[in-house]
């Protein structure tokens, strides 16, 4: 949302993901749009990450290493690691460094 109105707590109820206060430059709008796409990409990675981690945890809890197809389990571990890297790289690309740090705080990288 782009607005000329002074913001107050009413923004809490406003159905928008973010806001810019006028006057805004072309660069500010482009950065806001870029950041929105990056956040969407990050959310998709988080969703995939937790799905893969759940599968990993279920297999690790229920099966011995001998029972697990080691090649497929290794592929799962490799994908989890790739997703962690992609998540970190995506957050690094956020134009807003404060938001980058907030996202880092939400998800700490863990190794499998």
Protein backbone atom coordinates (compact mmCIF):
# COMPACT_ATOMS: atom_id res chain seq x y z
CA UNK A 1 0.00 0.00 0.00
CA UNK A 2 1.21 3.50 -0.81
CA UNK A 3 -0.35 6.21 1.33
CA UNK A 4 0.00 9.89 2.18
CA UNK A 5 -1.86 9.38 5.45
CA UNK A 6 0.11 9.40 8.69
CA UNK A 7 0.12 5.85 9.93
CA UNK A 8 -1.18 4.82 13.32
CA UNK A 9 -2.37 1.59 14.91
CA UNK A 10 -5.19 1.35 12.33
CA UNK A 11 -2.60 -0.24 10.05
CA UNK A 12 -2.80 -3.37 12.21
CA UNK A 13 -6.28 -4.03 10.84
CA UNK A 14 -5.45 -3.04 7.26
CA UNK A 15 -5.33 -6.00 4.88
CA UNK A 16 -1.94 -5.21 3.34
CA UNK A 17 1.45 -6.85 3.53
CA UNK A 18 3.42 -3.63 3.66
CA UNK A 19 3.22 0.07 3.11
CA UNK A 20 5.15 3.01 1.77
CA UNK A 21 4.48 6.58 2.79
CA UNK A 22 4.31 9.19 0.04
CA UNK A 23 6.30 10.64 -1.50
CA UNK A 24 8.03 7.49 -2.72
CA UNK A 25 10.67 7.12 -5.35
CA UNK A 26 10.62 4.67 -8.20
CA UNK A 27 13.53 2.87 -6.53
CA UNK A 28 11.57 2.47 -3.27
CA UNK A 29 8.62 0.95 -5.14
CA UNK A 30 10.89 -1.43 -7.05
CA UNK A 31 12.62 -2.52 -3.84
CA UNK A 32 9.27 -3.10 -2.13
CA UNK A 33 8.05 -5.25 -5.03
CA UNK A 34 11.34 -7.16 -5.15
CA UNK A 35 11.16 -7.78 -1.41
CA UNK A 36 7.58 -9.03 -1.70
CA UNK A 37 8.65 -11.60 -4.30
CA UNK A 38 11.64 -12.64 -2.20
CA UNK A 39 9.43 -13.12 0.85
CA UNK A 40 7.08 -15.28 -1.20
CA UNK A 41 10.02 -17.38 -2.41
CA UNK A 42 11.31 -17.68 1.16
CA UNK A 43 7.91 -18.82 2.42
CA UNK A 44 7.84 -21.55 -0.23
CA UNK A 45 11.28 -22.72 0.85
CA UNK A 46 10.26 -22.77 4.52
CA UNK A 47 7.20 -24.87 3.65
CA UNK A 48 9.33 -27.35 1.70
CA UNK A 49 12.03 -27.37 4.39
CA UNK A 50 9.68 -28.30 7.22
CA UNK A 51 8.01 -30.97 5.10
CA UNK A 52 11.37 -32.57 4.34
CA UNK A 53 12.49 -32.27 7.98
CA UNK A 54 9.31 -34.03 9.13
CA UNK A 55 9.99 -36.89 6.74
CA UNK A 56 13.61 -37.07 7.87
CA UNK A 57 12.60 -37.12 11.54
CA UNK A 58 9.95 -39.81 10.96
CA UNK A 59 12.40 -42.05 9.12
CA UNK A 60 15.16 -41.49 11.66
CA UNK A 61 12.83 -42.29 14.56
CA UNK A 62 11.21 -45.38 13.06
CA UNK A 63 13.91 -47.05 10.97
CA UNK A 64 17.42 -48.25 11.51
CA UNK A 65 20.10 -47.13 9.09
CA UNK A 66 20.02 -50.63 7.58
CA UNK A 67 16.27 -50.37 6.92
CA UNK A 68 16.53 -46.99 5.23
CA UNK A 69 17.39 -46.87 1.55
CA UNK A 70 20.64 -45.05 2.12
CA UNK A 71 20.74 -43.47 -1.36
CA UNK A 72 17.24 -42.03 -1.09
CA UNK A 73 17.78 -40.98 2.53
CA UNK A 74 21.01 -39.30 1.45
CA UNK A 75 19.11 -37.47 -1.29
CA UNK A 76 16.63 -36.26 1.33
CA UNK A 77 19.47 -35.03 3.55
CA UNK A 78 21.11 -33.32 0.58
CA UNK A 79 17.87 -31.54 -0.37
CA UNK A 80 17.40 -30.33 3.21
CA UNK A 81 20.89 -28.88 3.11
CA UNK A 82 20.21 -27.24 -0.28
CA UNK A 83 17.02 -25.68 1.02
CA UNK A 84 18.85 -24.26 4.04
CA UNK A 85 21.37 -22.65 1.71
CA UNK A 86 18.62 -21.31 -0.58
CA UNK A 87 16.78 -19.85 2.41
CA UNK A 88 19.91 -18.07 3.61
CA UNK A 89 20.73 -16.76 0.13
CA UNK A 90 17.15 -15.51 -0.32
CA UNK A 91 17.23 -13.60 2.97
CA UNK A 92 20.62 -12.14 2.00
CA UNK A 93 18.93 -10.60 -1.07
CA UNK A 94 16.26 -8.69 0.90
CA UNK A 95 16.70 -4.94 0.26
CA UNK A 96 15.67 -4.21 3.87
CA UNK A 97 18.47 -5.33 6.21
CA UNK A 98 16.25 -5.11 9.30
CA UNK A 99 13.77 -7.49 7.70
CA UNK A 100 16.63 -9.80 6.72
CA UNK A 101 17.71 -10.01 10.34
CA UNK A 102 14.13 -10.60 11.50
CA UNK A 103 13.80 -13.53 9.08
CA UNK A 104 17.15 -14.93 10.20
CA UNK A 105 15.86 -14.88 13.75
CA UNK A 106 12.79 -16.87 12.75
CA UNK A 107 14.78 -19.68 11.21
CA UNK A 108 18.21 -20.68 12.34
CA UNK A 109 20.03 -23.01 9.96
CA UNK A 110 20.44 -26.51 11.27
CA UNK A 111 22.51 -29.25 9.81
CA UNK A 112 21.04 -32.67 9.26
